[in-house]
Protein backbone atom coordinates (compact mmCIF):
# COMPACT_ATOMS: atom_id res chain seq x y z
CA MET A 1 0.12 0.12 -0.34
CA ILE A 2 1.31 3.13 -0.81
CA ASP A 3 -0.70 6.17 0.33
CA GLU A 4 -3.67 4.28 0.84
CA VAL A 5 -3.52 3.00 -3.20
CA PRO A 6 -2.82 -1.02 -3.85
CA LEU A 7 0.14 -2.12 -6.04
CA GLU A 8 0.58 -5.41 -6.70
CA ILE A 9 3.78 -6.35 -7.97
CA THR A 10 4.84 -9.38 -10.47
CA THR A 11 7.50 -10.52 -12.82
CA PHE A 12 6.27 -10.45 -16.90
CA ARG A 13 5.15 -14.13 -17.88
CA SER A 14 3.62 -15.57 -20.60
CA GLU A 15 1.27 -18.77 -20.17
CA GLY A 16 0.72 -22.55 -21.58
CA THR A 17 -2.87 -23.87 -22.10
CA TYR A 18 -5.74 -24.07 -19.60
CA SER A 19 -6.43 -27.44 -19.47
CA ASP A 20 -9.07 -26.68 -16.63
CA ASN A 21 -10.54 -23.74 -17.59
CA ARG A 22 -9.26 -22.07 -15.08
CA HIS A 23 -5.18 -22.14 -14.22
CA PRO A 24 -2.44 -22.26 -17.15
CA ASP A 25 -0.71 -25.47 -17.61
CA ALA A 26 2.31 -23.58 -17.49
CA VAL A 27 4.01 -20.21 -16.65
CA ALA A 28 7.07 -19.14 -18.23
CA PHE A 29 8.77 -15.64 -17.16
CA THR A 30 9.66 -13.59 -19.70
CA LEU A 31 11.18 -10.18 -20.97
CA SER A 32 8.80 -9.23 -22.98
CA ILE A 33 5.79 -6.71 -21.45
CA GLU A 34 4.22 -7.31 -24.57
CA GLU A 35 4.08 -10.94 -24.06
CA ASP A 36 3.05 -10.21 -20.43
CA LEU A 37 -0.28 -8.03 -21.69
CA ALA A 38 -0.90 -10.83 -24.67
CA ARG A 39 -2.32 -12.79 -21.86
CA ARG A 40 -4.79 -10.41 -20.82
CA ASP A 41 -8.39 -10.75 -21.25
CA LEU A 42 -9.38 -7.60 -22.45
CA THR A 43 -7.78 -4.55 -24.28
CA ILE A 44 -8.83 -2.07 -21.81
CA ASN A 45 -7.09 -4.50 -19.31
CA ALA A 46 -4.07 -4.83 -21.31
CA MET A 47 -2.51 -1.30 -21.56
CA ALA A 48 1.09 -0.67 -19.20
CA PHE A 49 2.78 2.69 -18.57
CA HIS A 50 6.41 3.30 -18.38
CA PRO A 51 7.24 7.07 -16.74
CA THR A 52 9.00 7.83 -19.38
CA ARG A 53 8.53 5.71 -21.71
CA GLY A 54 4.78 6.30 -21.58
CA ILE A 55 1.56 4.43 -21.97
CA PHE A 56 2.66 1.30 -24.36
CA ASP A 57 -1.16 -0.31 -25.98
CA PRO A 58 -0.30 -2.81 -28.47
CA PHE A 59 -3.67 -4.12 -28.57
CA LYS A 60 -4.91 -0.81 -28.91
CA GLY A 61 -7.10 -0.40 -25.52
CA GLN A 62 -7.10 2.94 -25.77
CA GLU A 63 -9.44 3.39 -28.75
CA ASP A 64 -11.81 0.81 -27.45
CA LEU A 65 -12.14 2.58 -24.14
CA ALA A 66 -12.77 5.53 -26.40
CA SER A 67 -15.33 4.34 -28.45
CA GLY A 68 -17.12 2.40 -25.53
CA ILE A 69 -16.22 -1.19 -27.12
CA ILE A 70 -15.35 -4.30 -24.72
CA ARG A 71 -12.85 -6.65 -26.73
CA THR A 72 -10.79 -9.70 -25.83
CA VAL A 73 -6.88 -10.18 -26.96
CA GLY A 74 -7.01 -12.22 -29.55
CA GLU A 75 -9.70 -14.98 -30.17
CA PRO A 76 -12.19 -14.18 -28.31
CA ALA A 77 -13.05 -18.50 -27.80
CA LYS A 78 -9.90 -18.93 -26.75
CA ARG A 79 -9.61 -16.35 -23.84
CA PHE A 80 -12.52 -17.11 -22.54
CA SER A 81 -12.31 -20.80 -22.41
CA GLU A 82 -8.69 -20.08 -20.56
CA ASP A 83 -10.52 -19.22 -17.31
CA ALA A 84 -14.86 -19.07 -17.89
CA LEU A 85 -14.88 -16.39 -15.46
CA ARG A 86 -13.60 -13.53 -17.92
CA ILE A 87 -17.04 -14.18 -19.47
CA LEU A 88 -19.08 -12.68 -16.53
CA ARG A 89 -15.69 -10.18 -16.15
CA ALA A 90 -16.90 -8.83 -19.64
CA LEU A 91 -20.44 -8.66 -18.85
CA ARG A 92 -19.92 -6.65 -15.39
CA PHE A 93 -17.47 -4.07 -17.14
CA ALA A 94 -19.91 -3.88 -19.88
CA SER A 95 -22.72 -3.18 -17.26
CA SER A 96 -20.27 -0.88 -14.69
CA LEU A 97 -18.75 1.19 -17.44
CA GLN A 98 -22.22 0.92 -19.79
CA PHE A 99 -20.16 -0.39 -22.95
CA THR A 100 -20.86 -2.41 -25.73
CA LEU A 101 -19.45 -5.62 -26.15
CA GLU A 102 -17.87 -6.13 -29.50
CA ASP A 103 -20.04 -8.71 -32.61
CA ALA A 104 -17.28 -11.94 -31.67
CA THR A 105 -16.91 -11.35 -28.30
CA ALA A 106 -20.51 -11.03 -27.24
CA GLN A 107 -20.99 -14.21 -30.08
CA ALA A 108 -18.26 -15.92 -27.76
CA ILE A 109 -20.18 -15.29 -24.52
CA LEU A 110 -23.09 -16.39 -25.49
CA GLN A 111 -20.96 -19.65 -26.97
CA CYS A 112 -18.58 -20.49 -24.22
CA GLY A 113 -21.31 -19.03 -21.65
CA PRO A 114 -21.86 -22.75 -20.19
CA LEU A 115 -18.46 -23.00 -19.02
CA LEU A 116 -19.25 -20.30 -16.53
CA ALA A 117 -21.17 -23.89 -14.36
CA SER A 118 -17.45 -24.93 -13.65
CA VAL A 119 -16.28 -21.83 -11.83
CA HIS A 120 -16.36 -21.30 -7.95
CA PRO A 121 -19.28 -19.45 -6.74
CA GLN A 122 -17.13 -17.93 -4.38
CA ARG A 123 -14.71 -16.61 -7.78
CA LEU A 124 -18.53 -15.96 -9.26
CA ARG A 125 -19.82 -13.44 -6.45
CA ARG A 126 -17.60 -10.40 -6.55
CA GLU A 127 -18.73 -10.01 -10.67
CA LEU A 128 -22.10 -11.15 -10.09
CA ASP A 129 -22.12 -8.18 -7.80
CA GLY A 130 -20.17 -6.00 -10.19
CA LEU A 131 -22.48 -6.84 -13.04
CA LEU A 132 -25.68 -6.32 -11.17
CA THR A 133 -24.64 -2.96 -9.23
CA GLY A 134 -23.95 -1.79 -12.71
CA ALA A 135 -25.64 1.31 -14.57
CA ALA A 136 -26.22 -0.83 -17.51
CA ALA A 137 -27.33 -3.89 -15.82
CA PRO A 138 -31.13 -4.26 -17.02
CA ARG A 139 -29.44 -4.21 -20.89
CA VAL A 140 -27.09 -6.94 -20.12
CA LEU A 141 -29.46 -8.67 -18.19
CA ARG A 142 -31.92 -8.68 -21.53
CA GLU A 143 -29.48 -9.32 -23.66
CA TYR A 144 -27.34 -12.19 -22.58
CA LEU A 145 -30.00 -14.36 -20.21
CA ASP A 146 -28.68 -17.03 -21.17
CA VAL A 147 -25.15 -16.45 -20.23
CA LEU A 148 -27.07 -15.55 -16.18
CA GLY A 149 -29.07 -18.66 -16.84
CA VAL A 150 -26.01 -20.90 -16.71
CA LEU A 151 -25.72 -19.83 -13.02
CA ILE A 152 -29.44 -18.78 -12.12
CA PRO A 153 -31.50 -20.90 -14.61
CA GLU A 154 -35.03 -20.03 -12.00
CA LEU A 155 -34.14 -16.61 -14.47
CA LEU A 156 -35.10 -18.06 -17.70
CA PRO A 157 -38.74 -18.64 -17.48
CA LEU A 158 -39.12 -14.82 -17.54
CA ARG A 159 -38.40 -14.49 -20.54
CA ASP A 160 -41.61 -13.59 -22.99
CA PHE A 161 -43.71 -14.95 -19.96
CA ASP A 162 -47.14 -12.97 -20.21
CA GLN A 163 -48.10 -11.96 -16.59
CA ARG A 164 -51.82 -11.58 -18.17
CA CYS A 165 -52.62 -8.88 -16.04
CA ARG A 166 -53.67 -5.33 -16.58
CA PHE A 167 -51.30 -4.24 -13.58
CA HIS A 168 -48.40 -4.99 -16.46
CA ARG A 169 -47.70 -3.44 -19.77
CA TYR A 170 -44.35 -5.85 -19.82
CA ASP A 171 -43.46 -9.48 -19.52
CA ALA A 172 -42.09 -11.05 -16.75
CA LEU A 173 -38.34 -10.53 -17.79
CA GLU A 174 -38.78 -6.99 -19.58
CA HIS A 175 -40.46 -5.72 -15.89
CA THR A 176 -37.61 -7.56 -13.75
CA ALA A 177 -34.82 -5.53 -16.10
CA ARG A 178 -36.52 -2.19 -15.46
CA VAL A 179 -36.86 -2.79 -11.68
CA LEU A 180 -33.24 -3.79 -11.82
CA GLY A 181 -32.60 -0.79 -13.40
CA ASN A 182 -34.99 2.03 -10.89
CA VAL A 183 -33.23 0.87 -7.63
CA PRO A 184 -30.22 1.73 -6.03
CA GLU A 185 -26.62 0.05 -7.43
CA GLU A 186 -26.44 -1.63 -4.02
CA PRO A 187 -25.70 -5.97 -4.11
CA ARG A 188 -29.06 -6.17 -1.80
CA ILE A 189 -31.30 -4.24 -3.43
CA ARG A 190 -30.45 -5.32 -6.90
CA TRP A 191 -30.05 -8.85 -6.05
CA ALA A 192 -33.41 -8.53 -4.26
CA ALA A 193 -35.30 -6.34 -7.62
CA LEU A 194 -33.57 -9.30 -9.92
CA LEU A 195 -35.36 -12.41 -8.05
CA HIS A 196 -38.44 -10.27 -6.59
CA ASP A 197 -40.20 -11.89 -9.08
CA ILE A 198 -38.79 -14.73 -9.80
CA GLU A 199 -41.52 -17.70 -9.02
CA LYS A 200 -44.74 -16.03 -11.14
CA PRO A 201 -43.90 -18.29 -13.89
CA SER A 202 -44.90 -20.78 -11.26
CA CYS A 203 -47.71 -19.30 -9.25
CA LEU A 204 -49.79 -18.34 -12.25
CA ARG A 205 -53.64 -19.19 -12.17
CA ILE A 206 -56.07 -17.78 -14.68
CA ASP A 207 -59.42 -16.78 -14.01
CA SER A 208 -62.54 -17.47 -16.06
CA LYS A 209 -62.11 -13.69 -17.47
CA GLY A 210 -58.65 -15.25 -18.38
CA CYS A 211 -56.66 -12.25 -15.90
CA GLY A 212 -53.37 -14.04 -14.23
CA HIS A 213 -53.26 -14.20 -10.64
CA PHE A 214 -49.73 -15.16 -8.70
CA ALA A 215 -50.78 -15.39 -4.99
CA GLY A 216 -47.75 -17.04 -3.07
CA HIS A 217 -45.30 -15.58 -5.09
CA PRO A 218 -43.44 -13.52 -3.02
CA LYS A 219 -43.10 -16.27 -0.38
CA ALA A 220 -42.32 -18.96 -3.15
CA GLY A 221 -40.09 -16.17 -4.45
CA ALA A 222 -38.38 -15.72 -1.44
CA ASP A 223 -37.98 -19.61 -1.16
CA THR A 224 -36.27 -19.33 -4.49
CA ALA A 225 -34.45 -16.58 -3.73
CA ARG A 226 -32.38 -18.72 -0.61
CA LYS A 227 -31.86 -21.58 -2.35
CA ILE A 228 -30.22 -19.39 -5.41
CA LEU A 229 -28.03 -16.95 -2.89
CA THR A 230 -26.77 -20.01 -0.88
CA ARG A 231 -25.63 -21.92 -3.92
CA LEU A 232 -23.96 -19.26 -4.96
CA MET A 233 -22.14 -19.20 -1.02
CA TYR A 234 -23.70 -15.68 -0.13
CA PRO A 235 -22.95 -15.19 3.72
CA SER A 236 -26.29 -16.16 5.66
CA ARG A 237 -27.22 -12.17 6.36
CA PHE A 238 -27.13 -11.69 3.38
CA ILE A 239 -29.17 -14.18 2.38
CA ASP A 240 -31.59 -13.13 4.89
CA GLU A 241 -31.94 -9.53 3.80
CA VAL A 242 -32.65 -10.04 0.15
CA CYS A 243 -35.16 -12.89 1.29
CA GLY A 244 -36.90 -10.35 3.74
CA LEU A 245 -37.23 -7.76 0.44
CA VAL A 246 -38.39 -10.55 -1.81
CA ARG A 247 -40.92 -11.87 0.64
CA TYR A 248 -42.89 -8.36 1.66
CA HIS A 249 -42.17 -6.63 -1.68
CA ASP A 250 -45.73 -6.93 -2.57
CA THR A 251 -47.15 -6.12 0.75
CA GLN A 252 -49.28 -3.48 1.19
CA ILE A 253 -48.45 -1.64 4.47
CA PRO A 254 -50.76 0.37 6.10
CA LEU A 255 -50.18 4.31 5.86
CA THR A 256 -49.78 4.73 9.82
CA GLU A 257 -47.26 4.43 11.81
CA ALA A 258 -47.93 1.41 13.42
CA GLY A 259 -48.26 -0.21 10.15
CA VAL A 260 -44.22 1.00 9.55
CA CYS A 261 -43.21 -0.18 13.11
CA ARG A 262 -45.09 -3.80 12.11
CA MET A 263 -42.98 -3.76 8.91
CA LEU A 264 -39.66 -3.18 10.99
CA LEU A 265 -40.38 -6.33 12.98
CA ASN A 266 -40.91 -8.31 9.99
CA LEU A 267 -37.48 -7.22 8.10
CA ASP A 268 -35.78 -7.60 11.62
CA LEU A 269 -36.29 -3.77 12.78
CA ARG A 270 -33.83 -2.94 10.20
CA GLY A 271 -34.12 0.44 9.46
CA GLU A 272 -31.90 0.67 6.26
CA LEU A 273 -33.64 -2.54 5.20
CA PHE A 274 -37.17 -0.79 5.36
CA ILE A 275 -35.66 2.02 2.90
CA ASP A 276 -34.92 -0.75 0.74
CA LEU A 277 -37.90 -2.20 0.47
CA VAL A 278 -39.50 0.98 0.17
CA ASN A 279 -37.56 1.74 -2.62
CA LEU A 280 -37.93 -2.03 -4.05
CA LYS A 281 -42.07 -1.11 -3.95
CA ILE A 282 -41.71 2.29 -6.04
CA ALA A 283 -39.33 0.78 -9.17
CA ASP A 284 -42.05 -2.32 -8.84
CA GLU A 285 -44.88 0.01 -9.09
CA ARG A 286 -42.42 2.18 -12.08
CA GLY A 287 -41.95 -1.12 -13.62
CA LYS A 288 -45.55 -1.85 -14.75
CA GLY A 289 -45.23 0.82 -16.81
CA LEU A 290 -49.07 2.45 -15.60
CA GLY A 291 -47.75 5.67 -14.65
CA GLU A 292 -48.16 7.40 -11.19
CA THR A 293 -50.42 4.61 -9.89
CA GLU A 294 -52.46 4.18 -5.60
CA ARG A 295 -50.26 2.10 -4.79
CA LEU A 296 -46.68 3.94 -6.24
CA ARG A 297 -48.36 6.96 -4.35
CA ALA A 298 -48.52 5.29 -0.90
CA ALA A 299 -45.10 3.55 -1.01
CA LYS A 300 -43.81 7.27 -1.81
CA GLN A 301 -45.10 8.13 2.05
CA LEU A 302 -43.53 5.57 3.63
CA PRO A 303 -40.09 6.97 4.19
CA GLY A 304 -41.70 10.11 6.26
CA LEU A 305 -44.01 7.85 8.24
CA LEU A 306 -40.73 5.91 9.09
CA ARG A 307 -39.57 9.46 10.42
CA GLN A 308 -42.63 10.08 12.23
CA ALA A 309 -42.72 6.85 13.87
CA ARG A 310 -39.14 7.94 15.17
CA ASP A 311 -39.74 11.31 16.17
CA ASN A 312 -42.60 9.86 18.18
CA ASN A 313 -40.78 7.24 20.27
CA HIS A 314 -43.24 4.90 18.22
CA PRO A 315 -42.15 1.42 19.96
CA CYS A 316 -40.83 -0.36 16.76
CA HIS A 317 -38.52 -3.17 18.85
CA LEU A 318 -38.18 -4.80 22.18
CA GLY A 319 -35.34 -2.03 23.23
CA ASN A 320 -38.26 0.73 23.06
CA LEU A 321 -40.76 -1.10 25.67
CA ASN A 322 -40.49 0.63 29.30
CA ILE A 323 -40.99 -2.57 30.60
CA THR A 324 -38.55 -5.71 30.79
CA GLY A 325 -38.22 -9.19 31.36
CA SER A 326 -37.11 -8.85 34.82
CA ASP A 327 -39.59 -6.19 35.57
CA LEU A 328 -42.15 -9.82 34.61
CA LEU A 329 -40.38 -12.05 37.05
CA GLN A 330 -40.31 -9.40 39.69
CA ALA A 331 -44.00 -9.73 38.94
CA GLY A 332 -44.29 -13.12 39.75
CA PHE A 333 -44.13 -14.47 35.68
CA THR A 334 -42.45 -18.08 35.50
CA PRO A 335 -39.16 -17.67 34.38
CA GLY A 336 -39.12 -19.27 30.51
CA PRO A 337 -40.00 -18.86 27.11
CA ALA A 338 -43.21 -17.46 28.20
CA ILE A 339 -41.32 -13.90 28.65
CA GLY A 340 -39.87 -13.26 25.37
CA ASN A 341 -43.88 -14.26 24.60
CA THR A 342 -45.33 -12.16 26.54
CA LEU A 343 -43.02 -8.28 25.68
CA ARG A 344 -43.69 -9.25 21.81
CA THR A 345 -47.50 -9.73 22.25
CA LEU A 346 -46.62 -6.66 24.30
CA LEU A 347 -44.53 -4.84 21.82
CA TYR A 348 -47.46 -5.65 19.17
CA ASP A 349 -50.29 -4.33 21.34
CA CYS A 350 -48.32 -1.66 21.50
CA ILE A 351 -47.97 -0.66 18.19
CA ASP A 352 -51.63 -1.01 18.24
CA GLU A 353 -51.92 1.27 20.64
CA LYS A 354 -54.11 -1.41 22.80
CA VAL A 355 -51.56 -0.32 25.96
CA GLU A 356 -49.95 2.30 26.46
CA ASN A 357 -45.68 2.59 26.45
CA ASP A 358 -45.22 2.77 30.86
CA ARG A 359 -44.13 0.37 32.82
CA ASP A 360 -47.31 0.53 35.02
CA ALA A 361 -49.70 0.34 31.57
CA LEU A 362 -47.30 -2.75 30.49
CA LEU A 363 -47.24 -4.79 33.63
CA LYS A 364 -51.18 -4.42 34.56
CA TYR A 365 -51.56 -5.74 30.79
CA ALA A 366 -49.53 -8.27 31.09
CA LYS A 367 -51.33 -9.87 34.47
CA GLU A 368 -54.33 -9.44 32.19
CA LEU A 369 -52.97 -11.57 29.29
CA GLN A 370 -52.34 -14.04 31.91
CA ASP A 371 -54.99 -14.38 33.50
CA LYS A 372 -56.73 -14.58 30.47
CA GLY A 373 -54.70 -17.32 29.64
CA LEU A 374 -52.69 -15.61 26.36
């Protein structure tokens, strides 16, 4: 590290064949910078700089940068077969830089896409996150669905899936792409946007008028999202958060402080996760192509209600209650799981304004619940 800038130092080298689609079978050291650059993946990554000689660019990477082009060094299929992760790297650069893939490179990506199945999930994650958080992620999803489908085959049924619903102008893939492009460029919410309607095809039911309905698709989608992200070896907390967003993306939240507090509890009390949910809801409504709907207007009111709930000290988690487990024990409640269950009941009833958030009032209410066997 020099002035907080990471520098990686290596010798010039050339490489042999890649029989395992990842590691070169042999490495030879060389004195030639051109030989070293010739083994790079993309022209924009195959430039070198010398303080007195300037930029060395044998593969015209500067031209491709200026033109917004992603192009491999040498034959595309050979580059991708050497290390299949380069397929995702090319798509990640296309997404994050909003570049276009050169024709031969694009064709090779589609041809070599199945090789991605051999790449270890831990290597895939960084590239997938970079791809999904790029400004051109919707375009990459539309154009390279078959490639992404090698890793996430559950996405493939979204293509040309007619939702047969007056609340949607677009098929499921186009809707997903539009939602993806209308949420913040952060991995958690981008993954939720990608997977929020993943189970719509499996949940489709047609009524007597020929209209489509998707009862249960958020819960089914959350279950499938968990399988996908677990398969890709994402951290458990990240998986829980994405699945929470998918699970509640279609839930209508009452436009009250109590409604917001209940959803905070559903999302494990995290305010920033609630804001992600609001952003996902807004993008979901906009992605339907119906303009300023009632549900869109409702979603836009939720951040203000969250601020109100906090300003008014509305209880949103157990720590906000003016009573503790120790208070219940001192009042004669039996130790054990019943203490926690009683506190949770008090919290929900306090949120619903059935009881005041006052220690004496809560203690009296708890005893009444106990007497009723609740």
